Structure formats: structure tokens, C-alpha cells
Amino acid sequence: MPLLYLPYVPSRFEAFLLEGRHIRADVHEWLAARLPRSSRLGSRLS
């Protein structure tokens, strides 16, 4: 059976944002600014 899709692997900054429940606002903005353009979170955080 051929592979239909590649599993999603978040970048380091995406992982911090997804796992961190108590991230300060300034740190959250800093991490969000470093998300790759292809990030799934980029559209949600903008």
C-alpha cells in the first residue's frame, strides 16, 4: 500500500507552543514569530 501522507512533525518552536500551557505572552510572541512559513499553527496565531 502506498503512503498517502507524511506524518506531521512539529518544529522545535511549534512543539514548545503546543506543549506549553503556561507560556508568558512575551515568550509566546517570540516563539510565534519564529514559526516556519509552512506551520499549521502560523495561520491560527496570526
N, C-alpha and C. Protein backbone atom coordinates (compact mmCIF):
# COMPACT_ATOMS: atom_id res chain seq x y z
N MET A 1 0.85 -1.18 0.00
CA MET A 1 0.00 0.00 0.00
C MET A 1 0.90 1.24 0.00
N PRO A 2 0.67 2.19 -0.90
CA PRO A 2 1.50 3.39 -0.94
C PRO A 2 1.16 4.33 0.23
N LEU A 3 2.16 5.10 0.61
CA LEU A 3 1.99 6.08 1.67
C LEU A 3 1.11 7.23 1.16
N LEU A 4 0.03 7.53 1.86
CA LEU A 4 -0.91 8.55 1.42
C LEU A 4 -0.54 9.94 1.93
N TYR A 5 0.14 10.01 3.03
CA TYR A 5 0.56 11.30 3.59
C TYR A 5 1.76 11.09 4.48
N LEU A 6 2.47 12.16 4.74
CA LEU A 6 3.59 12.11 5.66
C LEU A 6 3.11 12.50 7.05
N PRO A 7 3.55 11.82 8.07
CA PRO A 7 3.16 12.20 9.43
C PRO A 7 3.63 13.62 9.75
N TYR A 8 2.83 14.33 10.51
CA TYR A 8 3.16 15.71 10.88
C TYR A 8 4.17 15.71 12.02
N VAL A 9 5.28 16.39 11.80
CA VAL A 9 6.31 16.54 12.83
C VAL A 9 6.49 18.03 13.08
N PRO A 10 6.09 18.52 14.26
CA PRO A 10 6.22 19.95 14.53
C PRO A 10 7.68 20.38 14.68
N SER A 11 7.94 21.63 14.34
CA SER A 11 9.27 22.19 14.55
C SER A 11 9.49 22.38 16.05
N ARG A 12 10.69 22.76 16.42
CA ARG A 12 11.02 22.96 17.84
C ARG A 12 10.13 24.04 18.46
N PHE A 13 9.91 25.14 17.73
CA PHE A 13 9.10 26.24 18.27
C PHE A 13 7.63 25.84 18.34
N GLU A 14 7.15 25.09 17.35
CA GLU A 14 5.77 24.60 17.38
C GLU A 14 5.57 23.67 18.57
N ALA A 15 6.55 22.83 18.84
CA ALA A 15 6.44 21.90 19.96
C ALA A 15 6.33 22.64 21.29
N PHE A 16 7.13 23.70 21.45
CA PHE A 16 7.03 24.50 22.68
C PHE A 16 5.64 25.11 22.83
N LEU A 17 5.10 25.63 21.72
CA LEU A 17 3.78 26.24 21.78
C LEU A 17 2.68 25.22 22.02
N LEU A 18 2.81 24.04 21.43
CA LEU A 18 1.79 23.01 21.60
C LEU A 18 1.83 22.38 22.98
N GLU A 19 3.02 22.23 23.55
CA GLU A 19 3.15 21.57 24.85
C GLU A 19 3.03 22.53 26.02
N GLY A 20 3.42 23.77 25.81
CA GLY A 20 3.44 24.74 26.91
C GLY A 20 2.07 25.31 27.19
N ARG A 21 1.59 25.05 28.37
CA ARG A 21 0.27 25.56 28.75
C ARG A 21 0.37 26.87 29.51
N HIS A 22 1.54 27.14 30.07
CA HIS A 22 1.71 28.35 30.87
C HIS A 22 2.88 29.16 30.34
N ILE A 23 2.76 29.60 29.09
CA ILE A 23 3.81 30.40 28.47
C ILE A 23 3.41 31.87 28.59
N ARG A 24 4.34 32.69 29.04
CA ARG A 24 4.08 34.12 29.16
C ARG A 24 3.82 34.71 27.78
N ALA A 25 3.08 35.81 27.74
CA ALA A 25 2.69 36.42 26.47
C ALA A 25 3.89 36.84 25.64
N ASP A 26 4.92 37.42 26.28
CA ASP A 26 6.08 37.86 25.50
C ASP A 26 6.85 36.68 24.92
N VAL A 27 6.94 35.59 25.66
CA VAL A 27 7.61 34.39 25.16
C VAL A 27 6.78 33.76 24.05
N HIS A 28 5.46 33.78 24.21
CA HIS A 28 4.56 33.24 23.19
C HIS A 28 4.74 34.00 21.88
N GLU A 29 4.81 35.32 21.94
CA GLU A 29 5.01 36.13 20.73
C GLU A 29 6.36 35.84 20.09
N TRP A 30 7.39 35.67 20.92
CA TRP A 30 8.73 35.38 20.40
C TRP A 30 8.74 34.03 19.68
N LEU A 31 8.11 33.03 20.28
CA LEU A 31 8.04 31.71 19.64
C LEU A 31 7.21 31.77 18.36
N ALA A 32 6.09 32.46 18.40
CA ALA A 32 5.21 32.54 17.23
C ALA A 32 5.91 33.24 16.07
N ALA A 33 6.77 34.20 16.36
CA ALA A 33 7.50 34.91 15.30
C ALA A 33 8.51 34.00 14.62
N ARG A 34 8.90 32.92 15.25
CA ARG A 34 9.90 32.02 14.69
C ARG A 34 9.32 30.75 14.08
N LEU A 35 8.01 30.70 13.95
CA LEU A 35 7.39 29.54 13.30
C LEU A 35 7.73 29.54 11.81
N PRO A 36 7.94 28.38 11.24
CA PRO A 36 8.18 28.32 9.80
C PRO A 36 6.94 28.74 9.02
N ARG A 37 7.14 29.22 7.80
CA ARG A 37 6.02 29.67 6.98
C ARG A 37 5.02 28.56 6.70
N SER A 38 5.50 27.34 6.67
CA SER A 38 4.62 26.20 6.38
C SER A 38 3.91 25.66 7.62
N SER A 39 4.05 26.33 8.74
CA SER A 39 3.48 25.86 10.00
C SER A 39 1.96 25.87 10.00
N ARG A 40 1.38 24.83 10.56
CA ARG A 40 -0.07 24.79 10.72
C ARG A 40 -0.53 25.77 11.79
N LEU A 41 0.33 26.06 12.74
CA LEU A 41 -0.03 27.00 13.80
C LEU A 41 0.05 28.45 13.35
N GLY A 42 0.83 28.74 12.33
CA GLY A 42 1.02 30.10 11.87
C GLY A 42 -0.27 30.81 11.54
N SER A 43 -1.18 30.14 10.87
CA SER A 43 -2.45 30.75 10.50
C SER A 43 -3.36 30.94 11.71
N ARG A 44 -3.24 30.08 12.69
CA ARG A 44 -4.09 30.18 13.89
C ARG A 44 -3.64 31.29 14.82
N LEU A 45 -2.33 31.55 14.87
CA LEU A 45 -1.80 32.53 15.81
C LEU A 45 -1.76 33.93 15.25
N SER A 46 -1.89 34.07 13.96
CA SER A 46 -1.81 35.41 13.34
C SER A 46 -3.11 36.15 13.44
